């Protein structure tokens, strides 16, 4: 294998790793951001709210 191929493979693996780490950090920051707590709590409660109603 040539040096150019090895360099391209190394760059693509590194870029993919850093891309996935950055994406994971962005998702965690969005999830635990204080202003989103009310939205997520409402979504969690809305599933349970319909559970006791009779089926039509």
Protein backbone atom coordinates (compact mmCIF):
# COMPACT_ATOMS: atom_id res chain seq x y z
CA UNK A 1 0.00 0.00 0.00
CA UNK A 2 1.16 3.48 -0.72
CA UNK A 3 1.73 6.27 1.75
CA UNK A 4 -1.15 8.27 0.23
CA UNK A 5 -3.57 5.39 0.82
CA UNK A 6 -2.42 4.90 4.41
CA UNK A 7 -2.76 8.63 5.04
CA UNK A 8 -6.27 8.70 3.54
CA UNK A 9 -7.34 5.70 5.64
CA UNK A 10 -5.90 7.27 8.81
CA UNK A 11 -7.60 10.59 8.09
CA UNK A 12 -10.98 8.99 7.37
CA UNK A 13 -10.86 6.88 10.54
CA UNK A 14 -9.83 9.87 12.66
CA UNK A 15 -12.44 12.13 11.09
CA UNK A 16 -15.15 9.55 11.64
CA UNK A 17 -14.14 9.06 15.26
CA UNK A 18 -14.10 12.78 16.02
CA UNK A 19 -17.36 13.27 14.11
CA UNK A 20 -19.14 10.61 16.19
CA UNK A 21 -17.68 11.92 19.45
CA UNK A 22 -18.81 15.45 18.55
CA UNK A 23 -22.26 14.24 17.59
CA UNK A 24 -22.58 12.32 20.86
CA UNK A 25 -21.54 15.38 22.87
CA UNK A 26 -24.07 17.53 20.98
CA UNK A 27 -26.88 15.05 21.72
CA UNK A 28 -25.96 14.89 25.41
CA UNK A 29 -25.79 18.68 25.69
CA UNK A 30 -29.18 19.01 23.99
CA UNK A 31 -30.71 16.34 26.21
CA UNK A 32 -29.45 17.73 29.51
CA UNK A 33 -29.86 21.44 28.68
CA UNK A 34 -32.03 22.94 31.46
CA UNK A 35 -34.56 24.59 29.13
CA UNK A 36 -35.35 21.22 27.46
CA UNK A 37 -36.31 19.51 30.74
CA UNK A 38 -39.92 20.66 30.57
CA UNK A 39 -40.28 19.44 26.99
CA UNK A 40 -38.92 15.97 27.79
CA UNK A 41 -40.98 15.69 30.99
CA UNK A 42 -44.14 16.57 29.06
CA UNK A 43 -43.32 13.94 26.42
CA UNK A 44 -42.73 11.30 29.10
CA UNK A 45 -45.99 12.12 30.89
CA UNK A 46 -48.09 12.21 27.73
CA UNK A 47 -47.53 8.50 27.16
CA UNK A 48 -48.69 7.61 30.67
CA UNK A 49 -51.63 10.03 30.62
CA UNK A 50 -53.52 8.01 27.98
CA UNK A 51 -52.89 4.67 29.62
CA UNK A 52 -55.88 4.64 32.00
CA UNK A 53 -58.47 5.69 29.43
CA UNK A 54 -60.82 3.03 28.03
CA UNK A 55 -60.26 1.86 24.50
CA UNK A 56 -62.78 3.14 21.93
